[in-house]
Protein backbone atom coordinates (compact mmCIF):
# COMPACT_ATOMS: atom_id res chain seq x y z
CA MET A 1 -5.69 15.70 17.94
CA LEU A 2 -7.12 13.44 15.24
CA LYS A 3 -7.91 10.70 17.76
CA ASP A 4 -10.15 13.10 19.70
CA LYS A 5 -11.86 14.39 16.56
CA LEU A 6 -12.70 10.82 15.54
CA ASN A 7 -13.98 9.67 18.93
CA ASN A 8 -17.54 9.39 17.56
CA TYR A 9 -16.41 7.05 14.79
CA ASN A 10 -15.39 3.40 14.59
CA VAL A 11 -12.27 3.29 12.42
CA ILE A 12 -11.92 -0.12 10.75
CA LEU A 13 -8.69 -1.01 9.00
CA ALA A 14 -9.26 -3.78 6.46
CA SER A 15 -5.64 -4.81 6.02
CA ALA A 16 -3.50 -7.73 7.15
CA SER A 17 -0.31 -5.70 6.60
CA PRO A 18 1.76 -5.32 9.78
CA ARG A 19 3.25 -2.15 8.28
CA ARG A 20 -0.19 -0.54 7.91
CA HIS A 21 -1.11 -1.63 11.46
CA HIS A 22 2.08 0.08 12.67
CA PHE A 23 1.27 3.30 10.77
CA PHE A 24 -2.21 3.53 12.29
CA LYS A 25 -0.78 3.02 15.78
CA GLU A 26 1.85 5.71 15.11
CA LEU A 27 -0.88 8.09 13.87
CA ASP A 28 -2.29 7.61 17.40
CA LEU A 29 -5.64 6.28 16.23
CA ASP A 30 -8.06 3.90 17.89
CA PHE A 31 -8.99 1.30 15.27
CA SER A 32 -10.07 -2.28 14.82
CA ILE A 33 -8.87 -4.73 12.18
CA ASP A 34 -11.30 -6.63 9.98
CA VAL A 35 -9.86 -8.38 6.93
CA ARG A 36 -12.16 -9.99 4.36
CA VAL A 37 -10.94 -12.08 1.46
CA VAL A 38 -11.57 -10.57 -1.97
CA GLU A 39 -10.37 -11.91 -5.30
CA GLU A 40 -8.08 -9.10 -6.44
CA VAL A 41 -8.88 -9.08 -10.15
CA TYR A 42 -9.19 -5.86 -12.14
CA PRO A 43 -10.14 -4.98 -15.74
CA GLN A 44 -7.06 -5.24 -17.97
CA HIS A 45 -7.54 -1.80 -19.55
CA LEU A 46 -6.84 -0.03 -16.23
CA LYS A 47 -3.45 1.69 -15.80
CA GLY A 48 -1.41 2.82 -12.79
CA SER A 49 -3.52 4.45 -10.08
CA GLU A 50 -6.71 3.31 -11.82
CA ILE A 51 -5.74 -0.23 -10.76
CA THR A 52 -5.07 0.59 -7.11
CA ASP A 53 -8.19 2.81 -6.90
CA TYR A 54 -10.29 -0.03 -8.30
CA LEU A 55 -8.83 -2.65 -5.95
CA ALA A 56 -9.13 -0.45 -2.86
CA ARG A 57 -12.83 0.08 -3.66
CA LEU A 58 -13.27 -3.61 -4.47
CA LYS A 59 -11.97 -4.53 -1.00
CA ALA A 60 -14.50 -2.12 0.52
CA SER A 61 -17.34 -3.86 -1.35
CA ALA A 62 -16.88 -6.91 0.92
CA PHE A 63 -18.42 -4.86 3.77
CA ASP A 64 -22.18 -4.39 3.42
CA ASN A 65 -23.21 -3.59 6.99
CA LEU A 66 -21.45 -0.28 7.62
CA THR A 67 -23.15 2.46 9.65
CA GLU A 68 -22.82 6.27 9.67
CA LYS A 69 -20.39 5.90 12.57
CA ASP A 70 -18.03 3.54 10.75
CA ILE A 71 -15.03 4.60 8.68
CA LEU A 72 -13.75 1.60 6.75
CA ILE A 73 -10.24 2.00 5.34
CA THR A 74 -9.10 -0.27 2.50
CA SER A 75 -5.99 0.08 0.40
CA ASP A 76 -3.87 -1.39 -2.34
CA THR A 77 -0.27 -0.92 -3.50
CA ILE A 78 1.40 -1.82 -6.79
CA VAL A 79 4.77 -1.33 -8.38
CA TRP A 80 4.37 0.20 -11.84
CA MET A 81 7.05 -0.03 -14.53
CA ASP A 82 7.09 -0.29 -18.33
CA ASP A 83 3.35 0.42 -18.40
CA GLU A 84 2.74 -2.73 -16.36
CA ALA A 85 1.81 -3.62 -12.76
CA ILE A 86 4.35 -5.70 -10.88
CA ASN A 87 2.44 -7.42 -8.08
CA LYS A 88 3.47 -9.81 -5.30
CA PRO A 89 5.71 -12.70 -6.34
CA ALA A 90 4.42 -16.28 -6.29
CA ASP A 91 7.78 -17.83 -5.39
CA TYR A 92 11.57 -17.36 -5.15
CA GLU A 93 12.15 -17.46 -8.92
CA GLU A 94 9.51 -14.84 -9.60
CA ALA A 95 10.84 -12.64 -6.79
CA PHE A 96 14.38 -12.89 -8.15
CA ALA A 97 13.20 -11.92 -11.65
CA MET A 98 11.27 -8.94 -10.26
CA ILE A 99 14.22 -7.44 -8.40
CA GLU A 100 16.50 -8.16 -11.35
CA ARG A 101 14.07 -6.19 -13.50
CA LEU A 102 13.96 -3.25 -11.07
CA SER A 103 17.78 -3.20 -10.76
CA GLY A 104 19.42 -0.09 -12.22
CA ARG A 105 16.10 1.51 -13.14
CA MET A 106 13.31 3.77 -11.92
CA HIS A 107 9.86 2.46 -11.07
CA GLU A 108 6.77 3.94 -9.44
CA VAL A 109 5.05 2.73 -6.28
CA ILE A 110 1.35 3.59 -6.28
CA THR A 111 -0.91 3.27 -3.24
CA SER A 112 -4.63 3.98 -3.12
CA VAL A 113 -6.66 4.30 0.07
CA CYS A 114 -10.46 4.14 0.14
CA PHE A 115 -12.54 5.58 3.00
CA THR A 116 -16.09 4.21 3.18
CA ASN A 117 -19.15 4.38 5.39
CA ARG A 118 -22.86 4.00 4.72
CA SER A 119 -23.29 7.42 3.12
CA PHE A 120 -19.95 8.27 1.49
CA GLN A 121 -16.89 6.86 -0.22
CA LYS A 122 -13.68 8.72 -0.97
CA THR A 123 -10.58 7.30 -2.69
CA ILE A 124 -7.15 8.94 -2.66
CA ASN A 125 -3.86 7.81 -4.19
CA ASP A 126 -0.20 8.71 -4.12
CA THR A 127 2.74 7.91 -6.39
CA THR A 128 6.42 7.73 -5.44
CA LYS A 129 9.28 7.32 -7.91
CA VAL A 130 12.07 4.96 -6.76
CA TRP A 131 15.50 4.54 -8.35
CA PHE A 132 17.50 1.36 -7.70
CA ARG A 133 21.23 1.06 -8.35
CA GLU A 134 22.48 -2.00 -10.23
CA ILE A 135 21.99 -4.88 -7.80
CA GLU A 136 24.23 -7.95 -8.04
CA ASP A 137 22.70 -11.43 -8.31
CA GLU A 138 24.32 -12.50 -5.03
CA GLU A 139 22.76 -9.49 -3.29
CA ILE A 140 19.31 -10.41 -4.60
CA GLU A 141 19.86 -14.00 -3.46
CA TYR A 142 20.95 -12.87 0.02
CA TYR A 143 17.97 -10.56 0.39
CA LEU A 144 15.38 -13.10 -0.74
CA LYS A 145 16.76 -15.90 1.44
CA LYS A 146 16.99 -13.74 4.54
CA TYR A 147 13.86 -11.56 4.23
CA LYS A 148 11.45 -13.63 2.08
CA PRO A 149 9.51 -10.58 0.78
CA TYR A 150 6.79 -12.61 -0.93
CA ASP A 151 3.97 -10.54 0.60
CA LYS A 152 5.24 -7.30 -0.97
CA ALA A 153 4.48 -5.68 -4.32
CA GLY A 154 7.61 -5.73 -6.46
CA SER A 155 9.14 -8.25 -4.05
CA TYR A 156 10.91 -5.76 -1.81
CA GLY A 157 10.43 -3.71 1.33
CA ILE A 158 12.08 -0.28 1.30
CA GLN A 159 12.49 -0.50 5.10
CA GLU A 160 14.56 -3.70 4.79
CA TRP A 161 18.18 -4.42 3.84
CA ILE A 162 17.56 -4.06 0.09
CA GLY A 163 16.27 -0.53 0.67
CA TYR A 164 19.31 0.41 2.73
CA VAL A 165 21.81 -0.77 0.13
CA GLY A 166 19.94 -0.60 -3.17
CA ILE A 167 17.88 2.58 -3.39
CA GLU A 168 19.68 5.58 -4.83
CA LYS A 169 16.91 8.16 -4.58
CA LEU A 170 13.21 8.76 -4.11
CA GLU A 171 10.82 11.35 -5.47
CA GLY A 172 7.75 11.51 -3.26
CA SER A 173 6.69 9.90 0.02
CA TYR A 174 8.90 7.24 1.63
CA PHE A 175 5.94 5.98 3.67
CA ASN A 176 3.91 5.51 0.51
CA VAL A 177 6.51 2.98 -0.66
CA MET A 178 6.06 1.16 2.66
CA GLY A 179 2.36 0.90 1.85
CA LEU A 180 0.53 3.96 3.16
CA PRO A 181 0.64 7.67 2.19
CA THR A 182 0.36 8.64 5.85
CA ARG A 183 0.09 12.42 5.37
CA LEU A 184 -2.84 11.98 2.94
CA VAL A 185 -4.57 9.47 5.22
CA TYR A 186 -4.24 11.92 8.12
CA LYS A 187 -5.51 14.83 5.99
CA THR A 188 -8.50 12.84 4.69
CA LEU A 189 -9.49 11.61 8.16
CA MET A 190 -9.31 15.19 9.44
CA GLU A 191 -11.65 16.25 6.62
CA ILE A 192 -14.06 13.41 7.46
CA ALA A 193 -13.99 14.33 11.16
CA ARG A 194 -15.03 17.91 10.28
CA ARG A 195 -18.05 16.80 8.19
């Protein structure tokens, strides 16, 4: 399938996320991992998907030696609520405050994915609405101490305990909340393979 169509390309995943690594393996793709450090700062006037689009492209800008045979894939995910981005927490206190804020409310999870090689760049994004029930302080404490979700936007992983017990409903892609809109990545790579 897609793997065969892309056999003339070098797919490079620029992400340290084990979840994204897992998705690419499950999509049955041959890929390499190359992560480059970029200071993730964006203009303050950007909103929602404008932020994730900008950061996904910014991460791609760290690669200046791509060829026609390379497909570099960079991405970024944020939690968006009250017209504000909720990023990764710095520590336990910040993580606690984040989940407390999400408790009993709806927020959006936005992921952008940028596909780059020497002659083209395409950026896609996806938004999923997530509703949390009211979460007790002791539940937040248990989750943070056991799972330490400090590498996750909004300080939670939908695939972990907090997702099992706290999420009431979703509108959109579950996998997008995990960090990758897999169906859109597949569709875009198929389009690239047909170029």
